[in-house]
Amino acid sequence: KQWTEGSPPVFAVLDGVGSWTGDNELCVAQEGQTPLIGEWTTVTNW
């Protein structure tokens, strides 16, 4: 929420190792409409 709605504003989130996981990915991408490029993956629904 700090990244997607707070200050300073963030254009994108990049997780190169894969520690940003689960519903937290949808928090950034779906709720926050902020680009998330992540190493961790799940199934196509995400």
PDB file of all heavy atoms in Angstrom:
ATOM      1  N   LYS A   1       0.820  -1.202   0.000  1.00  0.00           N
ATOM      2  CA  LYS A   1       0.000   0.000   0.000  1.00  0.00           C
ATOM      3  C   LYS A   1       0.858   1.259   0.000  1.00  0.00           C
ATOM      4  O   LYS A   1       0.498   2.281  -0.600  1.00  0.00           O
ATOM      5  CB  LYS A   1      -0.945  -0.001   1.209  1.00  0.00           C
ATOM      6  CG  LYS A   1      -2.038  -1.067   1.121  1.00  0.00           C
ATOM      7  CD  LYS A   1      -2.910  -0.855  -0.110  1.00  0.00           C
ATOM      8  CE  LYS A   1      -4.033  -1.865  -0.185  1.00  0.00           C
ATOM      9  NZ  LYS A   1      -4.874  -1.656  -1.408  1.00  0.00           N
ATOM     10  N   GLN A   2       2.010   1.190   0.666  1.00  0.00           N
ATOM     11  CA  GLN A   2       2.920   2.334   0.666  1.00  0.00           C
ATOM     12  C   GLN A   2       3.429   2.603  -0.745  1.00  0.00           C
ATOM     13  O   GLN A   2       3.465   3.742  -1.209  1.00  0.00           O
ATOM     14  CB  GLN A   2       4.096   2.053   1.612  1.00  0.00           C
ATOM     15  CG  GLN A   2       5.238   3.066   1.540  1.00  0.00           C
ATOM     16  CD  GLN A   2       4.803   4.451   1.987  1.00  0.00           C
ATOM     17  OE1 GLN A   2       3.991   4.570   2.898  1.00  0.00           O
ATOM     18  NE2 GLN A   2       5.326   5.484   1.344  1.00  0.00           N
ATOM     19  N   TRP A   3       3.820   1.532  -1.456  1.00  0.00           N
ATOM     20  CA  TRP A   3       4.313   1.689  -2.816  1.00  0.00           C
ATOM     21  C   TRP A   3       3.238   2.206  -3.760  1.00  0.00           C
ATOM     22  O   TRP A   3       3.495   3.079  -4.582  1.00  0.00           O
ATOM     23  CB  TRP A   3       4.828   0.350  -3.343  1.00  0.00           C
ATOM     24  CG  TRP A   3       6.126  -0.078  -2.778  1.00  0.00           C
ATOM     25  CD1 TRP A   3       7.139   0.698  -2.311  1.00  0.00           C
ATOM     26  CD2 TRP A   3       6.575  -1.436  -2.627  1.00  0.00           C
ATOM     27  NE1 TRP A   3       8.184  -0.077  -1.877  1.00  0.00           N
ATOM     28  CE2 TRP A   3       7.866  -1.387  -2.060  1.00  0.00           C
ATOM     29  CE3 TRP A   3       6.009  -2.686  -2.924  1.00  0.00           C
ATOM     30  CZ2 TRP A   3       8.609  -2.537  -1.796  1.00  0.00           C
ATOM     31  CZ3 TRP A   3       6.743  -3.827  -2.653  1.00  0.00           C
ATOM     32  CH2 TRP A   3       8.028  -3.755  -2.092  1.00  0.00           C
ATOM     33  N   THR A   4       2.043   1.640  -3.680  1.00  0.00           N
ATOM     34  CA  THR A   4       1.024   1.893  -4.698  1.00  0.00           C
ATOM     35  C   THR A   4       0.122   3.088  -4.398  1.00  0.00           C
ATOM     36  O   THR A   4      -0.504   3.624  -5.315  1.00  0.00           O
ATOM     37  CB  THR A   4       0.135   0.648  -4.893  1.00  0.00           C
ATOM     38  OG1 THR A   4      -0.492   0.299  -3.649  1.00  0.00           O
ATOM     39  CG2 THR A   4       0.967  -0.532  -5.372  1.00  0.00           C
ATOM     40  N   GLU A   5       0.039   3.496  -3.134  1.00  0.00           N
ATOM     41  CA  GLU A   5      -0.856   4.595  -2.779  1.00  0.00           C
ATOM     42  C   GLU A   5      -0.170   5.700  -1.988  1.00  0.00           C
ATOM     43  O   GLU A   5      -0.695   6.814  -1.891  1.00  0.00           O
ATOM     44  CB  GLU A   5      -2.043   4.063  -1.966  1.00  0.00           C
ATOM     45  CG  GLU A   5      -2.900   3.048  -2.706  1.00  0.00           C
ATOM     46  CD  GLU A   5      -4.019   2.484  -1.836  1.00  0.00           C
ATOM     47  OE1 GLU A   5      -4.247   3.033  -0.730  1.00  0.00           O
ATOM     48  OE2 GLU A   5      -4.674   1.506  -2.263  1.00  0.00           O
ATOM     49  N   GLY A   6       0.974   5.387  -1.380  1.00  0.00           N
ATOM     50  CA  GLY A   6       1.623   6.344  -0.497  1.00  0.00           C
ATOM     51  C   GLY A   6       2.634   7.230  -1.207  1.00  0.00           C
ATOM     52  O   GLY A   6       2.630   7.379  -2.421  1.00  0.00           O
ATOM     53  N   SER A   7       3.509   7.823  -0.413  1.00  0.00           N
ATOM     54  CA  SER A   7       4.541   8.723  -0.912  1.00  0.00           C
ATOM     55  C   SER A   7       5.876   8.319  -0.300  1.00  0.00           C
ATOM     56  O   SER A   7       5.937   7.964   0.882  1.00  0.00           O
ATOM     57  CB  SER A   7       4.201  10.168  -0.533  1.00  0.00           C
ATOM     58  OG  SER A   7       5.160  11.058  -1.043  1.00  0.00           O
ATOM     59  N   PRO A   8       6.960   8.325  -1.093  1.00  0.00           N
ATOM     60  CA  PRO A   8       7.053   8.735  -2.491  1.00  0.00           C
ATOM     61  C   PRO A   8       6.388   7.721  -3.420  1.00  0.00           C
ATOM     62  O   PRO A   8       6.378   6.522  -3.120  1.00  0.00           O
ATOM     63  CB  PRO A   8       8.558   8.809  -2.740  1.00  0.00           C
ATOM     64  CG  PRO A   8       9.144   7.842  -1.767  1.00  0.00           C
ATOM     65  CD  PRO A   8       8.280   7.923  -0.551  1.00  0.00           C
ATOM     66  N   PRO A   9       5.821   8.184  -4.536  1.00  0.00           N
ATOM     67  CA  PRO A   9       5.145   7.282  -5.467  1.00  0.00           C
ATOM     68  C   PRO A   9       6.130   6.357  -6.163  1.00  0.00           C
ATOM     69  O   PRO A   9       7.284   6.731  -6.401  1.00  0.00           O
ATOM     70  CB  PRO A   9       4.479   8.234  -6.459  1.00  0.00           C
ATOM     71  CG  PRO A   9       5.332   9.464  -6.423  1.00  0.00           C
ATOM     72  CD  PRO A   9       5.805   9.580  -5.004  1.00  0.00           C
ATOM     73  N   VAL A  10       5.672   5.150  -6.487  1.00  0.00           N
ATOM     74  CA  VAL A  10       6.516   4.153  -7.148  1.00  0.00           C
ATOM     75  C   VAL A  10       5.920   3.818  -8.507  1.00  0.00           C
ATOM     76  O   VAL A  10       4.716   3.615  -8.639  1.00  0.00           O
ATOM     77  CB  VAL A  10       6.624   2.877  -6.282  1.00  0.00           C
ATOM     78  CG1 VAL A  10       7.239   1.737  -7.066  1.00  0.00           C
ATOM     79  CG2 VAL A  10       7.454   3.162  -5.037  1.00  0.00           C
ATOM     80  N   PHE A  11       6.767   3.791  -9.525  1.00  0.00           N
ATOM     81  CA  PHE A  11       6.298   3.425 -10.859  1.00  0.00           C
ATOM     82  C   PHE A  11       6.153   1.921 -11.022  1.00  0.00           C
ATOM     83  O   PHE A  11       5.190   1.434 -11.605  1.00  0.00           O
ATOM     84  CB  PHE A  11       7.258   3.939 -11.937  1.00  0.00           C
ATOM     85  CG  PHE A  11       6.920   3.410 -13.308  1.00  0.00           C
ATOM     86  CD1 PHE A  11       5.880   3.959 -14.034  1.00  0.00           C
ATOM     87  CD2 PHE A  11       7.611   2.336 -13.853  1.00  0.00           C
ATOM     88  CE1 PHE A  11       5.530   3.453 -15.275  1.00  0.00           C
ATOM     89  CE2 PHE A  11       7.275   1.829 -15.091  1.00  0.00           C
ATOM     90  CZ  PHE A  11       6.230   2.387 -15.814  1.00  0.00           C
ATOM     91  N   ALA A  12       7.113   1.161 -10.502  1.00  0.00           N
ATOM     92  CA  ALA A  12       7.098  -0.290 -10.670  1.00  0.00           C
ATOM     93  C   ALA A  12       7.808  -0.956  -9.512  1.00  0.00           C
ATOM     94  O   ALA A  12       8.586  -0.331  -8.787  1.00  0.00           O
ATOM     95  CB  ALA A  12       7.753  -0.688 -11.990  1.00  0.00           C
ATOM     96  N   VAL A  13       7.522  -2.254  -9.329  1.00  0.00           N
ATOM     97  CA  VAL A  13       8.180  -3.068  -8.298  1.00  0.00           C
ATOM     98  C   VAL A  13       8.875  -4.222  -9.001  1.00  0.00           C
ATOM     99  O   VAL A  13       8.263  -4.914  -9.821  1.00  0.00           O
ATOM    100  CB  VAL A  13       7.158  -3.615  -7.273  1.00  0.00           C
ATOM    101  CG1 VAL A  13       7.851  -4.490  -6.238  1.00  0.00           C
ATOM    102  CG2 VAL A  13       6.404  -2.465  -6.608  1.00  0.00           C
ATOM    103  N   LEU A  14      10.156  -4.437  -8.679  1.00  0.00           N
ATOM    104  CA  LEU A  14      10.920  -5.513  -9.297  1.00  0.00           C
ATOM    105  C   LEU A  14      11.505  -6.421  -8.232  1.00  0.00           C
ATOM    106  O   LEU A  14      12.250  -5.984  -7.358  1.00  0.00           O
ATOM    107  CB  LEU A  14      12.055  -4.934 -10.157  1.00  0.00           C
ATOM    108  CG  LEU A  14      11.563  -4.179 -11.380  1.00  0.00           C
ATOM    109  CD1 LEU A  14      11.832  -2.698 -11.235  1.00  0.00           C
ATOM    110  CD2 LEU A  14      12.247  -4.690 -12.628  1.00  0.00           C
ATOM    111  N   ASP A  15      11.142  -7.699  -8.292  1.00  0.00           N
ATOM    112  CA  ASP A  15      11.585  -8.694  -7.308  1.00  0.00           C
ATOM    113  C   ASP A  15      12.424  -9.738  -8.023  1.00  0.00           C
ATOM    114  O   ASP A  15      11.894 -10.674  -8.614  1.00  0.00           O
ATOM    115  CB  ASP A  15      10.368  -9.327  -6.640  1.00  0.00           C
ATOM    116  CG  ASP A  15      10.743 -10.482  -5.723  1.00  0.00           C
ATOM    117  OD1 ASP A  15      11.872 -10.481  -5.208  1.00  0.00           O
ATOM    118  OD2 ASP A  15       9.902 -11.379  -5.529  1.00  0.00           O
ATOM    119  N   GLY A  16      13.733  -9.595  -7.967  1.00  0.00           N
ATOM    120  CA  GLY A  16      14.614 -10.462  -8.743  1.00  0.00           C
ATOM    121  C   GLY A  16      14.880 -11.810  -8.129  1.00  0.00           C
ATOM    122  O   GLY A  16      15.325 -12.728  -8.823  1.00  0.00           O
ATOM    123  N   VAL A  17      14.641 -11.976  -6.828  1.00  0.00           N
ATOM    124  CA  VAL A  17      14.962 -13.233  -6.166  1.00  0.00           C
ATOM    125  C   VAL A  17      13.722 -14.112  -5.992  1.00  0.00           C
ATOM    126  O   VAL A  17      13.786 -15.331  -6.102  1.00  0.00           O
ATOM    127  CB  VAL A  17      15.630 -12.974  -4.798  1.00  0.00           C
ATOM    128  CG1 VAL A  17      15.839 -14.263  -4.035  1.00  0.00           C
ATOM    129  CG2 VAL A  17      16.969 -12.280  -5.005  1.00  0.00           C
ATOM    130  N   GLY A  18      12.572 -13.501  -5.736  1.00  0.00           N
ATOM    131  CA  GLY A  18      11.347 -14.276  -5.579  1.00  0.00           C
ATOM    132  C   GLY A  18      10.823 -14.308  -4.171  1.00  0.00           C
ATOM    133  O   GLY A  18      10.185 -15.271  -3.762  1.00  0.00           O
ATOM    134  N   SER A  19      11.078 -13.246  -3.401  1.00  0.00           N
ATOM    135  CA  SER A  19      10.591 -13.219  -2.025  1.00  0.00           C
ATOM    136  C   SER A  19       9.276 -12.455  -1.888  1.00  0.00           C
ATOM    137  O   SER A  19       8.672 -12.459  -0.818  1.00  0.00           O
ATOM    138  CB  SER A  19      11.645 -12.597  -1.096  1.00  0.00           C
ATOM    139  OG  SER A  19      12.079 -11.340  -1.578  1.00  0.00           O
ATOM    140  N   TRP A  20       8.813 -11.802  -2.970  1.00  0.00           N
ATOM    141  CA  TRP A  20       7.518 -11.129  -2.949  1.00  0.00           C
ATOM    142  C   TRP A  20       6.503 -12.088  -3.557  1.00  0.00           C
ATOM    143  O   TRP A  20       6.433 -12.251  -4.763  1.00  0.00           O
ATOM    144  CB  TRP A  20       7.570  -9.821  -3.735  1.00  0.00           C
ATOM    145  CG  TRP A  20       6.382  -8.953  -3.456  1.00  0.00           C
ATOM    146  CD1 TRP A  20       5.242  -8.885  -4.184  1.00  0.00           C
ATOM    147  CD2 TRP A  20       6.210  -8.061  -2.360  1.00  0.00           C
ATOM    148  NE1 TRP A  20       4.353  -8.009  -3.611  1.00  0.00           N
ATOM    149  CE2 TRP A  20       4.926  -7.484  -2.483  1.00  0.00           C
ATOM    150  CE3 TRP A  20       7.002  -7.698  -1.268  1.00  0.00           C
ATOM    151  CZ2 TRP A  20       4.433  -6.560  -1.565  1.00  0.00           C
ATOM    152  CZ3 TRP A  20       6.512  -6.780  -0.356  1.00  0.00           C
ATOM    153  CH2 TRP A  20       5.243  -6.214  -0.505  1.00  0.00           C
ATOM    154  N   THR A  21       5.682 -12.729  -2.720  1.00  0.00           N
ATOM    155  CA  THR A  21       4.911 -13.886  -3.167  1.00  0.00           C
ATOM    156  C   THR A  21       3.436 -13.791  -2.828  1.00  0.00           C
ATOM    157  O   THR A  21       2.992 -12.882  -2.132  1.00  0.00           O
ATOM    158  CB  THR A  21       5.468 -15.175  -2.512  1.00  0.00           C
ATOM    159  OG1 THR A  21       5.259 -15.090  -1.088  1.00  0.00           O
ATOM    160  CG2 THR A  21       6.947 -15.358  -2.790  1.00  0.00           C
ATOM    161  N   GLY A  22       2.682 -14.769  -3.335  1.00  0.00           N
ATOM    162  CA  GLY A  22       1.293 -14.973  -2.954  1.00  0.00           C
ATOM    163  C   GLY A  22       0.373 -13.818  -3.304  1.00  0.00           C
ATOM    164  O   GLY A  22       0.536 -13.128  -4.315  1.00  0.00           O
ATOM    165  N   ASP A  23      -0.623 -13.585  -2.442  1.00  0.00           N
ATOM    166  CA  ASP A  23      -1.584 -12.514  -2.669  1.00  0.00           C
ATOM    167  C   ASP A  23      -0.919 -11.150  -2.705  1.00  0.00           C
ATOM    168  O   ASP A  23      -1.509 -10.183  -3.207  1.00  0.00           O
ATOM    169  CB  ASP A  23      -2.656 -12.520  -1.578  1.00  0.00           C
ATOM    170  CG  ASP A  23      -3.578 -13.735  -1.678  1.00  0.00           C
ATOM    171  OD1 ASP A  23      -3.682 -14.296  -2.784  1.00  0.00           O
ATOM    172  OD2 ASP A  23      -4.175 -14.119  -0.660  1.00  0.00           O
ATOM    173  N   ASN A  24       0.284 -11.041  -2.179  1.00  0.00           N
ATOM    174  CA  ASN A  24       0.992  -9.770  -2.198  1.00  0.00           C
ATOM    175  C   ASN A  24       1.302  -9.334  -3.630  1.00  0.00           C
ATOM    176  O   ASN A  24       1.408  -8.144  -3.913  1.00  0.00           O
ATOM    177  CB  ASN A  24       2.288  -9.875  -1.388  1.00  0.00           C
ATOM    178  CG  ASN A  24       2.015 -10.239   0.056  1.00  0.00           C
ATOM    179  OD1 ASN A  24       1.378  -9.489   0.791  1.00  0.00           O
ATOM    180  ND2 ASN A  24       2.456 -11.417   0.467  1.00  0.00           N
ATOM    181  N   GLU A  25       1.462 -10.305  -4.529  1.00  0.00           N
ATOM    182  CA  GLU A  25       1.657  -9.949  -5.931  1.00  0.00           C
ATOM    183  C   GLU A  25       0.409  -9.279  -6.495  1.00  0.00           C
ATOM    184  O   GLU A  25       0.486  -8.294  -7.230  1.00  0.00           O
ATOM    185  CB  GLU A  25       2.007 -11.192  -6.753  1.00  0.00           C
ATOM    186  CG  GLU A  25       3.397 -11.727  -6.486  1.00  0.00           C
ATOM    187  CD  GLU A  25       3.856 -12.692  -7.559  1.00  0.00           C
ATOM    188  OE1 GLU A  25       3.018 -13.182  -8.342  1.00  0.00           O
ATOM    189  OE2 GLU A  25       5.071 -12.950  -7.619  1.00  0.00           O
ATOM    190  N   LEU A  26      -0.769  -9.821  -6.144  1.00  0.00           N
ATOM    191  CA  LEU A  26      -2.011  -9.233  -6.628  1.00  0.00           C
ATOM    192  C   LEU A  26      -2.293  -7.894  -5.951  1.00  0.00           C
ATOM    193  O   LEU A  26      -2.943  -7.026  -6.539  1.00  0.00           O
ATOM    194  CB  LEU A  26      -3.177 -10.191  -6.396  1.00  0.00           C
ATOM    195  CG  LEU A  26      -3.129 -11.507  -7.182  1.00  0.00           C
ATOM    196  CD1 LEU A  26      -4.379 -12.337  -6.910  1.00  0.00           C
ATOM    197  CD2 LEU A  26      -2.965 -11.253  -8.676  1.00  0.00           C
ATOM    198  N   CYS A  27      -1.799  -7.703  -4.732  1.00  0.00           N
ATOM    199  CA  CYS A  27      -1.950  -6.416  -4.060  1.00  0.00           C
ATOM    200  C   CYS A  27      -1.294  -5.320  -4.889  1.00  0.00           C
ATOM    201  O   CYS A  27      -1.861  -4.237  -5.083  1.00  0.00           O
ATOM    202  CB  CYS A  27      -1.333  -6.458  -2.662  1.00  0.00           C
ATOM    203  SG  CYS A  27      -1.372  -4.875  -1.776  1.00  0.00           S
ATOM    204  N   VAL A  28      -0.097  -5.605  -5.410  1.00  0.00           N
ATOM    205  CA  VAL A  28       0.615  -4.618  -6.228  1.00  0.00           C
ATOM    206  C   VAL A  28      -0.013  -4.493  -7.612  1.00  0.00           C
ATOM    207  O   VAL A  28      -0.334  -3.396  -8.077  1.00  0.00           O
ATOM    208  CB  VAL A  28       2.104  -5.007  -6.354  1.00  0.00           C
ATOM    209  CG1 VAL A  28       2.817  -4.061  -7.333  1.00  0.00           C
ATOM    210  CG2 VAL A  28       2.793  -4.962  -5.000  1.00  0.00           C
ATOM    211  N   ALA A  29      -0.200  -5.640  -8.287  1.00  0.00           N
ATOM    212  CA  ALA A  29      -0.590  -5.620  -9.691  1.00  0.00           C
ATOM    213  C   ALA A  29      -2.076  -5.383  -9.902  1.00  0.00           C
ATOM    214  O   ALA A  29      -2.469  -4.581 -10.758  1.00  0.00           O
ATOM    215  CB  ALA A  29      -0.178  -6.939 -10.359  1.00  0.00           C
ATOM    216  N   GLN A  30      -2.923  -6.075  -9.125  1.00  0.00           N
ATOM    217  CA  GLN A  30      -4.365  -5.986  -9.331  1.00  0.00           C
ATOM    218  C   GLN A  30      -4.968  -4.797  -8.582  1.00  0.00           C
ATOM    219  O   GLN A  30      -5.638  -3.952  -9.177  1.00  0.00           O
ATOM    220  CB  GLN A  30      -5.048  -7.280  -8.885  1.00  0.00           C
ATOM    221  CG  GLN A  30      -6.552  -7.321  -9.138  1.00  0.00           C
ATOM    222  CD  GLN A  30      -7.190  -8.588  -8.597  1.00  0.00           C
ATOM    223  OE1 GLN A  30      -7.009  -8.926  -7.430  1.00  0.00           O
ATOM    224  NE2 GLN A  30      -7.926  -9.302  -9.446  1.00  0.00           N
ATOM    225  N   GLU A  31      -4.722  -4.719  -7.278  1.00  0.00           N
ATOM    226  CA  GLU A  31      -5.283  -3.623  -6.492  1.00  0.00           C
ATOM    227  C   GLU A  31      -4.594  -2.301  -6.793  1.00  0.00           C
ATOM    228  O   GLU A  31      -5.249  -1.281  -6.993  1.00  0.00           O
ATOM    229  CB  GLU A  31      -5.161  -3.924  -5.001  1.00  0.00           C
ATOM    230  CG  GLU A  31      -5.964  -5.114  -4.511  1.00  0.00           C
ATOM    231  CD  GLU A  31      -5.766  -5.334  -3.020  1.00  0.00           C
ATOM    232  OE1 GLU A  31      -5.728  -4.334  -2.268  1.00  0.00           O
ATOM    233  OE2 GLU A  31      -5.641  -6.496  -2.596  1.00  0.00           O
ATOM    234  N   GLY A  32      -3.263  -2.345  -6.813  1.00  0.00           N
ATOM    235  CA  GLY A  32      -2.504  -1.111  -6.976  1.00  0.00           C
ATOM    236  C   GLY A  32      -2.266  -0.707  -8.410  1.00  0.00           C
ATOM    237  O   GLY A  32      -1.767   0.391  -8.662  1.00  0.00           O
ATOM    238  N   GLN A  33      -2.619  -1.558  -9.377  1.00  0.00           N
ATOM    239  CA  GLN A  33      -2.392  -1.290 -10.798  1.00  0.00           C
ATOM    240  C   GLN A  33      -0.991  -0.738 -11.031  1.00  0.00           C
ATOM    241  O   GLN A  33      -0.780   0.257 -11.716  1.00  0.00           O
ATOM    242  CB  GLN A  33      -3.446  -0.323 -11.324  1.00  0.00           C
ATOM    243  CG  GLN A  33      -4.852  -0.902 -11.300  1.00  0.00           C
ATOM    244  CD  GLN A  33      -5.884   0.017 -11.924  1.00  0.00           C
ATOM    245  OE1 GLN A  33      -5.538   1.001 -12.560  1.00  0.00           O
ATOM    246  NE2 GLN A  33      -7.144  -0.297 -11.742  1.00  0.00           N
ATOM    247  N   THR A  34      -0.032  -1.430 -10.423  1.00  0.00           N
ATOM    248  CA  THR A  34       1.376  -1.069 -10.534  1.00  0.00           C
ATOM    249  C   THR A  34       2.136  -2.243 -11.126  1.00  0.00           C
ATOM    250  O   THR A  34       1.949  -3.378 -10.687  1.00  0.00           O
ATOM    251  CB  THR A  34       1.952  -0.728  -9.142  1.00  0.00           C
ATOM    252  OG1 THR A  34       1.256   0.404  -8.619  1.00  0.00           O
ATOM    253  CG2 THR A  34       3.436  -0.431  -9.198  1.00  0.00           C
ATOM    254  N   PRO A  35       2.998  -2.015 -12.115  1.00  0.00           N
ATOM    255  CA  PRO A  35       3.762  -3.118 -12.698  1.00  0.00           C
ATOM    256  C   PRO A  35       4.590  -3.853 -11.655  1.00  0.00           C
ATOM    257  O   PRO A  35       5.288  -3.232 -10.857  1.00  0.00           O
ATOM    258  CB  PRO A  35       4.677  -2.413 -13.715  1.00  0.00           C
ATOM    259  CG  PRO A  35       3.951  -1.161 -14.069  1.00  0.00           C
ATOM    260  CD  PRO A  35       3.262  -0.732 -12.810  1.00  0.00           C
ATOM    261  N   LEU A  36       4.477  -5.168 -11.655  1.00  0.00           N
ATOM    262  CA  LEU A  36       5.293  -6.018 -10.792  1.00  0.00           C
ATOM    263  C   LEU A  36       5.993  -7.049 -11.666  1.00  0.00           C
ATOM    264  O   LEU A  36       5.335  -7.818 -12.367  1.00  0.00           O
ATOM    265  CB  LEU A  36       4.441  -6.729  -9.744  1.00  0.00           C
ATOM    266  CG  LEU A  36       5.157  -7.825  -8.931  1.00  0.00           C
ATOM    267  CD1 LEU A  36       6.287  -7.216  -8.096  1.00  0.00           C
ATOM    268  CD2 LEU A  36       4.199  -8.588  -8.037  1.00  0.00           C
ATOM    269  N   ILE A  37       7.301  -7.034 -11.628  1.00  0.00           N
ATOM    270  CA  ILE A  37       8.099  -8.031 -12.339  1.00  0.00           C
ATOM    271  C   ILE A  37       8.750  -8.894 -11.276  1.00  0.00           C
ATOM    272  O   ILE A  37       9.578  -8.425 -10.500  1.00  0.00           O
ATOM    273  CB  ILE A  37       9.164  -7.376 -13.239  1.00  0.00           C
ATOM    274  CG1 ILE A  37       8.480  -6.427 -14.231  1.00  0.00           C
ATOM    275  CG2 ILE A  37       9.979  -8.427 -13.967  1.00  0.00           C
ATOM    276  CD1 ILE A  37       9.443  -5.646 -15.094  1.00  0.00           C
ATOM    277  N   GLY A  38       8.348 -10.158 -11.188  1.00  0.00           N
ATOM    278  CA  GLY A  38       8.780 -10.999 -10.087  1.00  0.00           C
ATOM    279  C   GLY A  38       9.336 -12.329 -10.532  1.00  0.00           C
ATOM    280  O   GLY A  38       8.963 -12.865 -11.572  1.00  0.00           O
ATOM    281  N   GLU A  39      10.215 -12.884  -9.713  1.00  0.00           N
ATOM    282  CA  GLU A  39      10.787 -14.204  -9.979  1.00  0.00           C
ATOM    283  C   GLU A  39       9.831 -15.310  -9.554  1.00  0.00           C
ATOM    284  O   GLU A  39       9.752 -16.353 -10.190  1.00  0.00           O
ATOM    285  CB  GLU A  39      12.116 -14.346  -9.236  1.00  0.00           C
ATOM    286  CG  GLU A  39      12.754 -15.718  -9.323  1.00  0.00           C
ATOM    287  CD  GLU A  39      13.148 -16.095 -10.732  1.00  0.00           C
ATOM    288  OE1 GLU A  39      13.425 -15.183 -11.522  1.00  0.00           O
ATOM    289  OE2 GLU A  39      13.184 -17.310 -11.030  1.00  0.00           O
ATOM    290  N   TRP A  40       9.091 -15.076  -8.454  1.00  0.00           N
ATOM    291  CA  TRP A  40       8.187 -16.106  -7.927  1.00  0.00           C
ATOM    292  C   TRP A  40       6.934 -16.196  -8.781  1.00  0.00           C
ATOM    293  O   TRP A  40       6.330 -15.192  -9.138  1.00  0.00           O
ATOM    294  CB  TRP A  40       7.805 -15.775  -6.491  1.00  0.00           C
ATOM    295  CG  TRP A  40       6.933 -16.814  -5.846  1.00  0.00           C
ATOM    296  CD1 TRP A  40       7.340 -17.945  -5.204  1.00  0.00           C
ATOM    297  CD2 TRP A  40       5.506 -16.818  -5.782  1.00  0.00           C
ATOM    298  NE1 TRP A  40       6.259 -18.646  -4.740  1.00  0.00           N
ATOM    299  CE2 TRP A  40       5.115 -17.985  -5.088  1.00  0.00           C
ATOM    300  CE3 TRP A  40       4.526 -15.958  -6.250  1.00  0.00           C
ATOM    301  CZ2 TRP A  40       3.791 -18.296  -4.836  1.00  0.00           C
ATOM    302  CZ3 TRP A  40       3.198 -16.270  -6.012  1.00  0.00           C
ATOM    303  CH2 TRP A  40       2.837 -17.430  -5.311  1.00  0.00           C
ATOM    304  N   THR A  41       6.519 -17.412  -9.097  1.00  0.00           N
ATOM    305  CA  THR A  41       5.330 -17.597  -9.914  1.00  0.00           C
ATOM    306  C   THR A  41       4.351 -18.542  -9.249  1.00  0.00           C
ATOM    307  O   THR A  41       4.699 -19.296  -8.347  1.00  0.00           O
ATOM    308  CB  THR A  41       5.679 -18.181 -11.300  1.00  0.00           C
ATOM    309  OG1 THR A  41       5.920 -19.601 -11.187  1.00  0.00           O
ATOM    310  CG2 THR A  41       6.914 -17.532 -11.884  1.00  0.00           C
ATOM    311  N   THR A  42       3.093 -18.493  -9.705  1.00  0.00           N
ATOM    312  CA  THR A  42       2.091 -19.465  -9.306  1.00  0.00           C
ATOM    313  C   THR A  42       1.353 -19.875 -10.575  1.00  0.00           C
ATOM    314  O   THR A  42       1.946 -19.881 -11.655  1.00  0.00           O
ATOM    315  CB  THR A  42       1.161 -18.910  -8.206  1.00  0.00           C
ATOM    316  OG1 THR A  42       0.212 -19.907  -7.855  1.00  0.00           O
ATOM    317  CG2 THR A  42       0.467 -17.642  -8.599  1.00  0.00           C
ATOM    318  N   VAL A  43       0.071 -20.222 -10.461  1.00  0.00           N
ATOM    319  CA  VAL A  43      -0.654 -20.720 -11.630  1.00  0.00           C
ATOM    320  C   VAL A  43      -1.260 -19.567 -12.431  1.00  0.00           C
ATOM    321  O   VAL A  43      -1.286 -18.428 -11.991  1.00  0.00           O
ATOM    322  CB  VAL A  43      -1.742 -21.724 -11.220  1.00  0.00           C
ATOM    323  CG1 VAL A  43      -1.109 -23.047 -10.825  1.00  0.00           C
ATOM    324  CG2 VAL A  43      -2.581 -21.178 -10.069  1.00  0.00           C
ATOM    325  N   THR A  44      -1.765 -19.880 -13.625  1.00  0.00           N
ATOM    326  CA  THR A  44      -2.180 -18.884 -14.603  1.00  0.00           C
ATOM    327  C   THR A  44      -3.228 -17.917 -14.067  1.00  0.00           C
ATOM    328  O   THR A  44      -3.294 -16.766 -14.516  1.00  0.00           O
ATOM    329  CB  THR A  44      -2.731 -19.598 -15.854  1.00  0.00           C
ATOM    330  OG1 THR A  44      -1.798 -20.601 -16.250  1.00  0.00           O
ATOM    331  CG2 THR A  44      -2.910 -18.627 -17.000  1.00  0.00           C
ATOM    332  N   ASN A  45      -4.061 -18.356 -13.108  1.00  0.00           N
ATOM    333  CA  ASN A  45      -5.063 -17.452 -12.529  1.00  0.00           C
ATOM    334  C   ASN A  45      -4.438 -16.136 -12.076  1.00  0.00           C
ATOM    335  O   ASN A  45      -5.053 -15.077 -12.170  1.00  0.00           O
ATOM    336  CB  ASN A  45      -5.739 -18.101 -11.318  1.00  0.00           C
ATOM    337  CG  ASN A  45      -6.601 -19.271 -11.697  1.00  0.00           C
ATOM    338  OD1 ASN A  45      -6.126 -20.202 -12.345  1.00  0.00           O
ATOM    339  ND2 ASN A  45      -7.866 -19.253 -11.315  1.00  0.00           N
ATOM    340  N   TRP A  46      -3.206 -16.203 -11.546  1.00  0.00           N
ATOM    341  CA  TRP A  46      -2.571 -15.005 -11.001  1.00  0.00           C
ATOM    342  C   TRP A  46      -2.288 -13.984 -12.101  1.00  0.00           C
ATOM    343  O   TRP A  46      -2.553 -12.793 -11.924  1.00  0.00           O
ATOM    344  CB  TRP A  46      -1.271 -15.387 -10.273  1.00  0.00           C
ATOM    345  CG  TRP A  46      -1.379 -15.284  -8.783  1.00  0.00           C
ATOM    346  CD1 TRP A  46      -0.653 -14.471  -7.969  1.00  0.00           C
ATOM    347  CD2 TRP A  46      -2.261 -16.009  -7.926  1.00  0.00           C
ATOM    348  NE1 TRP A  46      -1.024 -14.640  -6.653  1.00  0.00           N
ATOM    349  CE2 TRP A  46      -2.015 -15.591  -6.599  1.00  0.00           C
ATOM    350  CE3 TRP A  46      -3.248 -16.972  -8.135  1.00  0.00           C
ATOM    351  CZ2 TRP A  46      -2.708 -16.079  -5.506  1.00  0.00           C
ATOM    352  CZ3 TRP A  46      -3.934 -17.475  -7.051  1.00  0.00           C
ATOM    353  CH2 TRP A  46      -3.663 -17.029  -5.761  1.00  0.00           C
TER     354      TRP A  46
END
